[in-house]
Amino acid sequence: MFGRKKTPKDGTPSTITYAERPGAKNRPTPSRREQESANKRPLVPKDRKAAAGQSRDASRVARAKQRAALMSGDESALPARDKGPIKRHIRDTVDARWNIGEFMLPVMFVVLALTFLPAVFKSSASWATLLVFVMVYGLVLASALDSFMMWRRTKADIFVKFGELPPRGSAMYAVTRGFQMRRSRLPRPQVERASPALFSAFKRK
């Protein structure tokens, strides 16, 4: 009575078919082992050469996107050190003024030329040496003082505008940008020198 159902006379088990039901998945549920096997990914790809090529392509695209952001000032793709409204404010403050430090490189070329004068003109050795000394140390001292005053004012402006002190490393970020020539700065300057809009914003505070 409770025994196994008899098979047909030919000995082959009967196959039971079910009609597909609308809305049902109509497939057997995979076992846990099958699901884990499908989710497994090899730690080392089989084709290392292809994987390395894909990695290089991705890095190249990321660098190109970042370079474009540095040229255009697009905040979404800027490096972490340049992101944020405070860093943008620092860049605008530096770019909107004339910085003594940005003349350091051109003056160094002049100083380098002056060092060859004593070898050519023996009589000019004394005054050429004095001129080099005054230009180098005078420019360094003036640049340091100008950078100190610039950062002091910028730090106060940031606290008034954003209600917080600038993050660590911002002083070096501002000073380094101030010592760079304007054309070589990255991200590219987004304001003109002595921008009226920028300075009017400072006056309203």
N, C-alpha and C. Protein backbone atom coordinates (compact mmCIF):
# COMPACT_ATOMS: atom_id res chain seq x y z
N MET A 1 0.82 -1.21 0.00
CA MET A 1 0.00 0.00 0.00
C MET A 1 0.85 1.25 0.00
N PHE A 2 1.95 1.22 0.86
CA PHE A 2 2.82 2.40 0.95
C PHE A 2 4.12 2.18 0.21
N GLY A 3 4.18 1.26 -0.64
CA GLY A 3 5.42 0.98 -1.35
C GLY A 3 5.68 1.98 -2.46
N ARG A 4 6.86 1.78 -3.13
CA ARG A 4 7.27 2.65 -4.23
C ARG A 4 6.38 2.41 -5.44
N LYS A 5 6.13 3.50 -6.14
CA LYS A 5 5.30 3.36 -7.33
C LYS A 5 6.00 2.50 -8.36
N LYS A 6 5.21 1.68 -8.99
CA LYS A 6 5.77 0.80 -9.99
C LYS A 6 6.14 1.56 -11.24
N THR A 7 7.25 1.12 -11.85
CA THR A 7 7.70 1.72 -13.10
C THR A 7 6.98 1.05 -14.25
N PRO A 8 7.00 1.69 -15.37
CA PRO A 8 6.37 1.05 -16.54
C PRO A 8 7.03 -0.25 -16.87
N LYS A 9 6.42 -1.01 -17.76
CA LYS A 9 6.91 -2.34 -18.11
C LYS A 9 8.28 -2.32 -18.72
N ASP A 10 8.65 -1.24 -19.41
CA ASP A 10 9.97 -1.24 -20.05
C ASP A 10 11.08 -0.97 -19.06
N GLY A 11 10.77 -0.68 -17.78
CA GLY A 11 11.80 -0.52 -16.76
C GLY A 11 12.32 0.87 -16.60
N THR A 12 11.95 1.80 -17.43
CA THR A 12 12.46 3.18 -17.34
C THR A 12 11.51 3.98 -16.48
N PRO A 13 12.05 4.82 -15.57
CA PRO A 13 11.16 5.61 -14.71
C PRO A 13 10.39 6.62 -15.54
N SER A 14 9.19 6.89 -15.10
CA SER A 14 8.36 7.83 -15.83
C SER A 14 8.79 9.25 -15.53
N THR A 15 8.71 10.10 -16.51
CA THR A 15 9.08 11.51 -16.37
C THR A 15 7.83 12.34 -16.22
N ILE A 16 7.78 13.10 -15.13
CA ILE A 16 6.61 13.92 -14.86
C ILE A 16 6.92 15.34 -15.28
N THR A 17 6.14 15.91 -16.10
CA THR A 17 6.34 17.28 -16.57
C THR A 17 5.25 18.16 -15.99
N TYR A 18 5.68 19.40 -15.68
CA TYR A 18 4.75 20.36 -15.11
C TYR A 18 4.65 21.55 -16.05
N ALA A 19 3.48 22.05 -16.16
CA ALA A 19 3.27 23.22 -17.00
C ALA A 19 3.82 24.46 -16.31
N GLU A 20 4.45 25.34 -17.09
CA GLU A 20 5.01 26.57 -16.53
C GLU A 20 3.88 27.47 -16.06
N ARG A 21 4.06 27.99 -14.86
CA ARG A 21 3.08 28.88 -14.28
C ARG A 21 3.50 30.32 -14.48
N PRO A 22 2.61 31.17 -14.92
CA PRO A 22 2.98 32.58 -15.09
C PRO A 22 3.30 33.22 -13.75
N GLY A 23 4.41 34.01 -13.72
CA GLY A 23 4.81 34.67 -12.49
C GLY A 23 5.78 33.86 -11.66
N ALA A 24 5.92 32.56 -11.93
CA ALA A 24 6.86 31.74 -11.17
C ALA A 24 8.20 31.73 -11.86
N LYS A 25 9.28 31.38 -11.12
CA LYS A 25 10.60 31.38 -11.74
C LYS A 25 10.80 30.19 -12.66
N ASN A 26 9.99 29.11 -12.49
CA ASN A 26 9.98 27.96 -13.41
C ASN A 26 11.37 27.35 -13.60
N ARG A 27 12.15 27.33 -12.52
CA ARG A 27 13.45 26.67 -12.57
C ARG A 27 13.78 26.19 -11.16
N PRO A 28 14.58 25.15 -11.07
CA PRO A 28 14.91 24.65 -9.72
C PRO A 28 15.76 25.65 -8.95
N THR A 29 15.55 25.72 -7.66
CA THR A 29 16.32 26.62 -6.81
C THR A 29 17.73 26.07 -6.64
N PRO A 30 18.78 26.87 -6.94
CA PRO A 30 20.15 26.35 -6.81
C PRO A 30 20.51 26.10 -5.35
N SER A 31 21.34 25.11 -5.13
CA SER A 31 21.76 24.79 -3.78
C SER A 31 22.75 25.84 -3.28
N ARG A 32 23.02 25.82 -2.00
CA ARG A 32 23.97 26.79 -1.41
C ARG A 32 25.36 26.61 -1.98
N ARG A 33 25.76 25.38 -2.22
CA ARG A 33 27.07 25.13 -2.78
C ARG A 33 27.19 25.70 -4.19
N GLU A 34 26.13 25.55 -4.97
CA GLU A 34 26.15 26.11 -6.33
C GLU A 34 26.21 27.64 -6.30
N GLN A 35 25.50 28.26 -5.37
CA GLN A 35 25.56 29.71 -5.27
C GLN A 35 26.94 30.20 -4.86
N GLU A 36 27.58 29.53 -3.89
CA GLU A 36 28.92 29.92 -3.47
C GLU A 36 29.92 29.74 -4.60
N SER A 37 29.77 28.67 -5.38
CA SER A 37 30.69 28.44 -6.49
C SER A 37 30.55 29.53 -7.56
N ALA A 38 29.32 29.99 -7.78
CA ALA A 38 29.09 31.03 -8.79
C ALA A 38 29.64 32.38 -8.35
N ASN A 39 29.66 32.62 -7.02
CA ASN A 39 30.13 33.91 -6.52
C ASN A 39 31.63 33.97 -6.34
N LYS A 40 32.28 32.85 -6.41
CA LYS A 40 33.73 32.84 -6.21
C LYS A 40 34.43 33.48 -7.40
N ARG A 41 35.45 34.28 -7.09
CA ARG A 41 36.27 34.91 -8.12
C ARG A 41 37.72 34.55 -7.85
N PRO A 42 38.47 34.23 -8.85
CA PRO A 42 39.88 33.89 -8.62
C PRO A 42 40.68 35.10 -8.16
N LEU A 43 41.56 34.89 -7.16
CA LEU A 43 42.41 35.99 -6.68
C LEU A 43 43.38 36.45 -7.76
N VAL A 44 43.88 35.54 -8.54
CA VAL A 44 44.80 35.86 -9.63
C VAL A 44 44.08 35.57 -10.94
N PRO A 45 43.91 36.57 -11.81
CA PRO A 45 43.21 36.31 -13.07
C PRO A 45 43.97 35.32 -13.93
N LYS A 46 43.21 34.59 -14.73
CA LYS A 46 43.84 33.60 -15.59
C LYS A 46 44.73 34.26 -16.64
N ASP A 47 44.24 35.32 -17.25
CA ASP A 47 45.01 36.01 -18.27
C ASP A 47 45.62 37.27 -17.64
N ARG A 48 46.83 37.13 -17.10
CA ARG A 48 47.46 38.26 -16.40
C ARG A 48 47.79 39.40 -17.36
N LYS A 49 48.15 39.06 -18.57
CA LYS A 49 48.51 40.08 -19.55
C LYS A 49 47.31 40.97 -19.88
N ALA A 50 46.15 40.34 -20.06
CA ALA A 50 44.94 41.11 -20.35
C ALA A 50 44.52 41.95 -19.15
N ALA A 51 44.67 41.37 -17.94
CA ALA A 51 44.31 42.12 -16.74
C ALA A 51 45.23 43.32 -16.55
N ALA A 52 46.53 43.14 -16.83
CA ALA A 52 47.47 44.27 -16.71
C ALA A 52 47.15 45.35 -17.73
N GLY A 53 46.75 44.93 -18.93
CA GLY A 53 46.38 45.91 -19.95
C GLY A 53 45.15 46.71 -19.56
N GLN A 54 44.16 46.03 -18.97
CA GLN A 54 42.96 46.72 -18.51
C GLN A 54 43.29 47.70 -17.38
N SER A 55 44.21 47.29 -16.49
CA SER A 55 44.60 48.17 -15.39
C SER A 55 45.32 49.41 -15.90
N ARG A 56 46.19 49.23 -16.90
CA ARG A 56 46.90 50.38 -17.48
C ARG A 56 45.92 51.32 -18.17
N ASP A 57 44.96 50.75 -18.87
CA ASP A 57 43.97 51.60 -19.55
C ASP A 57 43.15 52.39 -18.54
N ALA A 58 42.76 51.74 -17.45
CA ALA A 58 41.97 52.43 -16.43
C ALA A 58 42.78 53.55 -15.78
N SER A 59 44.07 53.27 -15.53
CA SER A 59 44.94 54.29 -14.94
C SER A 59 45.14 55.45 -15.89
N ARG A 60 45.27 55.15 -17.17
CA ARG A 60 45.46 56.21 -18.17
C ARG A 60 44.23 57.10 -18.26
N VAL A 61 43.06 56.48 -18.22
CA VAL A 61 41.82 57.27 -18.27
C VAL A 61 41.68 58.14 -17.03
N ALA A 62 42.04 57.57 -15.86
CA ALA A 62 41.94 58.33 -14.61
C ALA A 62 42.90 59.51 -14.61
N ARG A 63 44.13 59.29 -15.13
CA ARG A 63 45.09 60.39 -15.18
C ARG A 63 44.64 61.48 -16.14
N ALA A 64 44.09 61.08 -17.28
CA ALA A 64 43.60 62.06 -18.25
C ALA A 64 42.44 62.88 -17.67
N LYS A 65 41.57 62.20 -16.94
CA LYS A 65 40.43 62.90 -16.32
C LYS A 65 40.91 63.87 -15.26
N GLN A 66 41.91 63.45 -14.47
CA GLN A 66 42.44 64.31 -13.43
C GLN A 66 43.18 65.50 -14.03
N ARG A 67 43.91 65.25 -15.12
CA ARG A 67 44.63 66.34 -15.79
C ARG A 67 43.65 67.37 -16.33
N ALA A 68 42.56 66.90 -16.93
CA ALA A 68 41.55 67.81 -17.45
C ALA A 68 40.92 68.62 -16.31
N ALA A 69 40.73 67.98 -15.16
CA ALA A 69 40.15 68.70 -14.02
C ALA A 69 41.12 69.76 -13.50
N LEU A 70 42.42 69.46 -13.50
CA LEU A 70 43.41 70.44 -13.06
C LEU A 70 43.45 71.65 -13.99
N MET A 71 43.21 71.41 -15.27
CA MET A 71 43.23 72.51 -16.22
C MET A 71 41.95 73.34 -16.17
N SER A 72 40.83 72.69 -15.89
CA SER A 72 39.54 73.39 -15.91
C SER A 72 39.04 73.79 -14.53
N GLY A 73 39.60 73.18 -13.47
CA GLY A 73 39.14 73.47 -12.12
C GLY A 73 37.90 72.69 -11.71
N ASP A 74 37.59 71.61 -12.42
CA ASP A 74 36.42 70.80 -12.10
C ASP A 74 36.64 70.10 -10.76
N GLU A 75 35.82 70.44 -9.77
CA GLU A 75 36.00 69.92 -8.41
C GLU A 75 35.81 68.41 -8.32
N SER A 76 34.97 67.84 -9.17
CA SER A 76 34.62 66.42 -9.04
C SER A 76 35.79 65.49 -9.31
N ALA A 77 36.77 65.91 -10.09
CA ALA A 77 37.88 65.03 -10.45
C ALA A 77 39.23 65.53 -9.96
N LEU A 78 39.25 66.51 -9.09
CA LEU A 78 40.50 67.03 -8.56
C LEU A 78 41.13 66.05 -7.58
N PRO A 79 42.45 66.06 -7.43
CA PRO A 79 43.06 65.23 -6.39
C PRO A 79 42.57 65.63 -5.00
N ALA A 80 42.76 64.73 -4.04
CA ALA A 80 42.24 64.98 -2.69
C ALA A 80 42.85 66.23 -2.07
N ARG A 81 44.11 66.51 -2.37
CA ARG A 81 44.76 67.68 -1.75
C ARG A 81 44.19 69.00 -2.27
N ASP A 82 43.50 68.99 -3.41
CA ASP A 82 42.96 70.21 -4.00
C ASP A 82 41.45 70.34 -3.84
N LYS A 83 40.81 69.34 -3.27
CA LYS A 83 39.35 69.35 -3.19
C LYS A 83 38.86 70.17 -2.01
N GLY A 84 37.65 70.66 -2.15
CA GLY A 84 36.99 71.33 -1.05
C GLY A 84 36.91 72.83 -1.22
N PRO A 85 35.88 73.45 -0.61
CA PRO A 85 35.72 74.90 -0.75
C PRO A 85 36.84 75.70 -0.10
N ILE A 86 37.43 75.17 0.98
CA ILE A 86 38.52 75.90 1.65
C ILE A 86 39.75 75.96 0.75
N LYS A 87 40.09 74.85 0.13
CA LYS A 87 41.24 74.84 -0.77
C LYS A 87 40.97 75.74 -1.97
N ARG A 88 39.75 75.75 -2.45
CA ARG A 88 39.39 76.64 -3.57
C ARG A 88 39.56 78.11 -3.14
N HIS A 89 39.16 78.42 -1.93
CA HIS A 89 39.29 79.79 -1.43
C HIS A 89 40.78 80.18 -1.31
N ILE A 90 41.60 79.25 -0.86
CA ILE A 90 43.04 79.53 -0.75
C ILE A 90 43.63 79.81 -2.12
N ARG A 91 43.28 78.98 -3.10
CA ARG A 91 43.82 79.19 -4.45
C ARG A 91 43.38 80.53 -5.01
N ASP A 92 42.12 80.87 -4.83
CA ASP A 92 41.62 82.14 -5.36
C ASP A 92 42.30 83.32 -4.69
N THR A 93 42.55 83.20 -3.39
CA THR A 93 43.22 84.29 -2.68
C THR A 93 44.64 84.48 -3.19
N VAL A 94 45.36 83.40 -3.37
CA VAL A 94 46.74 83.48 -3.87
C VAL A 94 46.77 83.99 -5.30
N ASP A 95 45.85 83.51 -6.13
CA ASP A 95 45.87 83.87 -7.55
C ASP A 95 45.40 85.29 -7.80
N ALA A 96 44.65 85.86 -6.85
CA ALA A 96 44.11 87.20 -7.06
C ALA A 96 45.10 88.30 -6.69
N ARG A 97 46.27 87.94 -6.18
CA ARG A 97 47.24 88.94 -5.75
C ARG A 97 48.58 88.72 -6.43
N TRP A 98 49.42 89.76 -6.37
CA TRP A 98 50.80 89.64 -6.81
C TRP A 98 51.63 89.14 -5.63
N ASN A 99 52.30 88.02 -5.83
CA ASN A 99 53.11 87.43 -4.77
C ASN A 99 54.59 87.64 -5.09
N ILE A 100 55.34 88.09 -4.11
CA ILE A 100 56.77 88.32 -4.34
C ILE A 100 57.47 87.02 -4.66
N GLY A 101 57.01 85.94 -4.04
CA GLY A 101 57.67 84.65 -4.25
C GLY A 101 57.64 84.17 -5.69
N GLU A 102 56.63 84.58 -6.46
CA GLU A 102 56.55 84.10 -7.84
C GLU A 102 57.62 84.71 -8.74
N PHE A 103 58.31 85.75 -8.25
CA PHE A 103 59.41 86.34 -9.02
C PHE A 103 60.75 85.72 -8.67
N MET A 104 60.73 84.74 -7.78
CA MET A 104 61.98 84.12 -7.34
C MET A 104 62.72 83.45 -8.49
N LEU A 105 62.02 82.69 -9.29
CA LEU A 105 62.68 81.96 -10.38
C LEU A 105 63.27 82.90 -11.43
N PRO A 106 62.53 83.91 -11.93
CA PRO A 106 63.15 84.83 -12.89
C PRO A 106 64.37 85.56 -12.34
N VAL A 107 64.30 85.96 -11.05
CA VAL A 107 65.44 86.65 -10.45
C VAL A 107 66.64 85.72 -10.34
N MET A 108 66.40 84.45 -10.10
CA MET A 108 67.51 83.50 -10.00
C MET A 108 68.27 83.39 -11.32
N PHE A 109 67.56 83.51 -12.43
CA PHE A 109 68.24 83.50 -13.72
C PHE A 109 69.13 84.73 -13.88
N VAL A 110 68.64 85.88 -13.40
CA VAL A 110 69.45 87.10 -13.45
C VAL A 110 70.68 86.96 -12.56
N VAL A 111 70.48 86.38 -11.37
CA VAL A 111 71.60 86.16 -10.45
C VAL A 111 72.62 85.23 -11.06
N LEU A 112 72.14 84.19 -11.74
CA LEU A 112 73.06 83.24 -12.38
C LEU A 112 73.90 83.95 -13.44
N ALA A 113 73.29 84.86 -14.18
CA ALA A 113 74.03 85.61 -15.20
C ALA A 113 75.06 86.54 -14.56
N LEU A 114 74.71 87.12 -13.41
CA LEU A 114 75.63 88.04 -12.74
C LEU A 114 76.85 87.33 -12.19
N THR A 115 76.71 86.04 -11.88
CA THR A 115 77.85 85.31 -11.33
C THR A 115 78.97 85.12 -12.36
N PHE A 116 78.63 85.27 -13.66
CA PHE A 116 79.66 85.13 -14.69
C PHE A 116 80.38 86.45 -14.99
N LEU A 117 79.88 87.56 -14.46
CA LEU A 117 80.49 88.86 -14.74
C LEU A 117 81.92 88.98 -14.23
N PRO A 118 82.20 88.55 -12.99
CA PRO A 118 83.59 88.68 -12.53
C PRO A 118 84.61 87.97 -13.40
N ALA A 119 84.21 86.85 -14.02
CA ALA A 119 85.14 86.13 -14.87
C ALA A 119 85.40 86.86 -16.18
N VAL A 120 84.41 87.65 -16.63
CA VAL A 120 84.55 88.38 -17.89
C VAL A 120 85.14 89.77 -17.65
N PHE A 121 84.57 90.47 -16.65
CA PHE A 121 85.03 91.82 -16.34
C PHE A 121 85.63 91.80 -14.93
N LYS A 122 86.96 91.88 -14.88
CA LYS A 122 87.64 91.79 -13.59
C LYS A 122 87.27 92.96 -12.68
N SER A 123 87.04 94.11 -13.26
CA SER A 123 86.74 95.30 -12.45
C SER A 123 85.36 95.26 -11.82
N SER A 124 84.49 94.43 -12.33
CA SER A 124 83.12 94.37 -11.83
C SER A 124 82.91 93.31 -10.77
N ALA A 125 83.98 92.69 -10.31
CA ALA A 125 83.86 91.57 -9.38
C ALA A 125 83.23 92.00 -8.06
N SER A 126 83.65 93.12 -7.53
CA SER A 126 83.17 93.53 -6.20
C SER A 126 81.69 93.91 -6.21
N TRP A 127 81.29 94.78 -7.15
CA TRP A 127 79.89 95.21 -7.15
C TRP A 127 78.95 94.12 -7.62
N ALA A 128 79.43 93.22 -8.50
CA ALA A 128 78.58 92.10 -8.94
C ALA A 128 78.29 91.15 -7.78
N THR A 129 79.31 90.89 -6.96
CA THR A 129 79.11 90.02 -5.79
C THR A 129 78.15 90.65 -4.80
N LEU A 130 78.29 91.95 -4.58
CA LEU A 130 77.38 92.65 -3.66
C LEU A 130 75.95 92.65 -4.20
N LEU A 131 75.80 92.84 -5.50
CA LEU A 131 74.47 92.86 -6.09
C LEU A 131 73.79 91.49 -5.98
N VAL A 132 74.57 90.45 -6.22
CA VAL A 132 74.03 89.09 -6.08
C VAL A 132 73.58 88.82 -4.66
N PHE A 133 74.39 89.23 -3.69
CA PHE A 133 74.06 89.03 -2.28
C PHE A 133 72.77 89.76 -1.91
N VAL A 134 72.66 91.02 -2.33
CA VAL A 134 71.48 91.81 -2.00
C VAL A 134 70.24 91.23 -2.67
N MET A 135 70.34 90.84 -3.93
CA MET A 135 69.18 90.34 -4.66
C MET A 135 68.68 89.03 -4.07
N VAL A 136 69.61 88.12 -3.78
CA VAL A 136 69.20 86.80 -3.30
C VAL A 136 68.59 86.89 -1.90
N TYR A 137 69.35 87.43 -0.97
CA TYR A 137 68.87 87.45 0.41
C TYR A 137 67.73 88.46 0.60
N GLY A 138 67.78 89.55 -0.14
CA GLY A 138 66.67 90.50 -0.05
C GLY A 138 65.38 89.92 -0.57
N LEU A 139 65.46 89.19 -1.68
CA LEU A 139 64.25 88.58 -2.23
C LEU A 139 63.72 87.48 -1.33
N VAL A 140 64.61 86.69 -0.75
CA VAL A 140 64.17 85.62 0.15
C VAL A 140 63.46 86.20 1.36
N LEU A 141 64.03 87.25 1.95
CA LEU A 141 63.42 87.87 3.11
C LEU A 141 62.08 88.51 2.77
N ALA A 142 62.02 89.22 1.63
CA ALA A 142 60.77 89.86 1.22
C ALA A 142 59.70 88.82 0.91
N SER A 143 60.08 87.71 0.27
CA SER A 143 59.12 86.66 -0.06
C SER A 143 58.56 86.00 1.19
N ALA A 144 59.45 85.76 2.17
CA ALA A 144 59.00 85.13 3.41
C ALA A 144 58.02 86.05 4.15
N LEU A 145 58.33 87.34 4.22
CA LEU A 145 57.44 88.28 4.89
C LEU A 145 56.10 88.41 4.16
N ASP A 146 56.15 88.46 2.83
CA ASP A 146 54.93 88.57 2.04
C ASP A 146 54.06 87.32 2.21
N SER A 147 54.68 86.15 2.23
CA SER A 147 53.93 84.90 2.40
C SER A 147 53.30 84.83 3.78
N PHE A 148 54.02 85.30 4.80
CA PHE A 148 53.49 85.29 6.16
C PHE A 148 52.25 86.18 6.26
N MET A 149 52.32 87.37 5.68
CA MET A 149 51.19 88.29 5.74
C MET A 149 50.01 87.75 4.92
N MET A 150 50.32 87.15 3.78
CA MET A 150 49.26 86.59 2.95
C MET A 150 48.52 85.48 3.68
N TRP A 151 49.26 84.56 4.30
CA TRP A 151 48.61 83.45 4.98
C TRP A 151 47.86 83.91 6.23
N ARG A 152 48.39 84.89 6.92
CA ARG A 152 47.71 85.40 8.11
C ARG A 152 46.33 85.96 7.74
N ARG A 153 46.28 86.72 6.66
CA ARG A 153 45.00 87.27 6.23
C ARG A 153 44.08 86.17 5.70
N THR A 154 44.62 85.24 4.92
CA THR A 154 43.81 84.16 4.36
C THR A 154 43.22 83.28 5.45
N LYS A 155 43.99 82.97 6.46
CA LYS A 155 43.51 82.15 7.58
C LYS A 155 42.35 82.82 8.30
N ALA A 156 42.47 84.14 8.51
CA ALA A 156 41.38 84.88 9.16
C ALA A 156 40.14 84.90 8.28
N ASP A 157 40.31 85.05 6.97
CA ASP A 157 39.17 85.05 6.06
C ASP A 157 38.46 83.70 6.04
N ILE A 158 39.22 82.63 6.11
CA ILE A 158 38.63 81.29 6.11
C ILE A 158 37.80 81.08 7.37
N PHE A 159 38.30 81.53 8.50
CA PHE A 159 37.56 81.35 9.76
C PHE A 159 36.26 82.14 9.74
N VAL A 160 36.31 83.35 9.17
CA VAL A 160 35.09 84.16 9.10
C VAL A 160 34.08 83.56 8.12
N LYS A 161 34.56 83.09 6.97
CA LYS A 161 33.66 82.62 5.92
C LYS A 161 33.12 81.23 6.18
N PHE A 162 33.96 80.32 6.69
CA PHE A 162 33.55 78.92 6.84
C PHE A 162 33.31 78.53 8.30
N GLY A 163 33.67 79.38 9.23
CA GLY A 163 33.44 79.07 10.63
C GLY A 163 34.35 78.01 11.19
N GLU A 164 35.47 77.76 10.56
CA GLU A 164 36.42 76.77 11.04
C GLU A 164 37.82 77.14 10.56
N LEU A 165 38.81 76.59 11.23
CA LEU A 165 40.19 76.83 10.82
C LEU A 165 40.53 75.94 9.63
N PRO A 166 41.45 76.38 8.78
CA PRO A 166 41.83 75.55 7.62
C PRO A 166 42.47 74.25 8.06
N PRO A 167 42.33 73.19 7.26
CA PRO A 167 42.93 71.90 7.64
C PRO A 167 44.44 71.96 7.69
N ARG A 168 45.01 70.98 8.31
CA ARG A 168 46.47 70.91 8.46
C ARG A 168 47.14 70.83 7.09
N GLY A 169 48.20 71.58 6.93
CA GLY A 169 48.93 71.62 5.67
C GLY A 169 48.48 72.71 4.73
N SER A 170 47.45 73.47 5.11
CA SER A 170 46.94 74.51 4.22
C SER A 170 47.93 75.66 4.08
N ALA A 171 48.69 75.97 5.14
CA ALA A 171 49.67 77.06 5.07
C ALA A 171 50.73 76.75 4.02
N MET A 172 51.26 75.53 4.04
CA MET A 172 52.25 75.15 3.04
C MET A 172 51.63 75.11 1.65
N TYR A 173 50.37 74.71 1.57
CA TYR A 173 49.65 74.68 0.29
C TYR A 173 49.58 76.08 -0.31
N ALA A 174 49.26 77.07 0.52
CA ALA A 174 49.15 78.45 0.04
C ALA A 174 50.52 79.02 -0.31
N VAL A 175 51.51 78.81 0.55
CA VAL A 175 52.84 79.38 0.32
C VAL A 175 53.48 78.77 -0.92
N THR A 176 53.34 77.46 -1.07
CA THR A 176 53.92 76.80 -2.25
C THR A 176 53.29 77.34 -3.54
N ARG A 177 51.99 77.55 -3.53
CA ARG A 177 51.33 78.09 -4.71
C ARG A 177 51.78 79.53 -4.96
N GLY A 178 52.00 80.29 -3.89
CA GLY A 178 52.45 81.66 -4.05
C GLY A 178 53.84 81.78 -4.64
N PHE A 179 54.67 80.76 -4.46
CA PHE A 179 56.03 80.78 -5.01
C PHE A 179 56.09 80.26 -6.45
N GLN A 180 55.00 79.72 -6.94
CA GLN A 180 54.97 79.23 -8.31
C GLN A 180 54.59 80.36 -9.26
N MET A 181 55.15 80.32 -10.46
CA MET A 181 54.74 81.27 -11.48
C MET A 181 53.30 80.98 -11.86
N ARG A 182 52.55 82.01 -12.17
CA ARG A 182 51.11 81.86 -12.38
C ARG A 182 50.78 80.84 -13.46
N ARG A 183 51.53 80.82 -14.53
CA ARG A 183 51.22 79.90 -15.64
C ARG A 183 51.49 78.45 -15.30
N SER A 184 52.31 78.21 -14.30
CA SER A 184 52.66 76.83 -13.95
C SER A 184 51.82 76.27 -12.82
N ARG A 185 50.87 77.03 -12.31
CA ARG A 185 50.07 76.57 -11.19
C ARG A 185 48.99 75.60 -11.62
N LEU A 186 48.84 74.55 -10.83
CA LEU A 186 47.80 73.56 -11.02
C LEU A 186 47.11 73.32 -9.69
N PRO A 187 45.79 73.31 -9.68
CA PRO A 187 44.83 73.65 -10.74
C PRO A 187 45.02 75.07 -11.27
N ARG A 188 44.61 75.27 -12.51
CA ARG A 188 44.78 76.56 -13.15
C ARG A 188 44.02 77.65 -12.38
N PRO A 189 44.58 78.87 -12.31
CA PRO A 189 43.86 79.97 -11.65
C PRO A 189 42.51 80.22 -12.29
N GLN A 190 41.50 80.41 -11.45
CA GLN A 190 40.13 80.65 -11.92
C GLN A 190 39.70 82.10 -11.72
N VAL A 191 40.59 82.94 -11.17
CA VAL A 191 40.29 84.36 -10.97
C VAL A 191 41.42 85.19 -11.57
N GLU A 192 41.09 86.41 -11.93
CA GLU A 192 42.10 87.33 -12.43
C GLU A 192 42.83 87.97 -11.24
N ARG A 193 43.95 88.55 -11.53
CA ARG A 193 44.68 89.25 -10.48
C ARG A 193 43.84 90.43 -9.99
N ALA A 194 43.88 90.64 -8.68
CA ALA A 194 43.13 91.74 -8.06
C ALA A 194 41.68 91.70 -8.51
N SER A 195 41.08 90.50 -8.46
CA SER A 195 39.70 90.32 -8.89
C SER A 195 38.77 91.18 -8.04
N PRO A 196 37.99 92.07 -8.64
CA PRO A 196 37.08 92.92 -7.86
C PRO A 196 36.05 92.10 -7.08
N ALA A 197 35.56 91.01 -7.68
CA ALA A 197 34.55 90.19 -7.01
C ALA A 197 35.11 89.58 -5.73
N LEU A 198 36.35 89.11 -5.81
CA LEU A 198 36.95 88.46 -4.66
C LEU A 198 37.18 89.46 -3.53
N PHE A 199 37.75 90.62 -3.87
CA PHE A 199 38.05 91.59 -2.83
C PHE A 199 36.79 92.25 -2.28
N SER A 200 35.75 92.37 -3.10
CA SER A 200 34.50 92.90 -2.59
C SER A 200 33.87 91.92 -1.61
N ALA A 201 34.08 90.63 -1.85
CA ALA A 201 33.57 89.62 -0.91
C ALA A 201 34.30 89.74 0.42
N PHE A 202 35.61 90.04 0.38
CA PHE A 202 36.36 90.22 1.61
C PHE A 202 35.85 91.45 2.38
N LYS A 203 35.51 92.51 1.66
CA LYS A 203 35.08 93.74 2.32
C LYS A 203 33.72 93.57 2.97
N ARG A 204 32.87 92.68 2.42
CA ARG A 204 31.53 92.51 2.98
C ARG A 204 31.55 91.73 4.28
N LYS A 205 32.66 91.05 4.53
CA LYS A 205 32.71 90.22 5.73
C LYS A 205 32.88 91.11 6.96
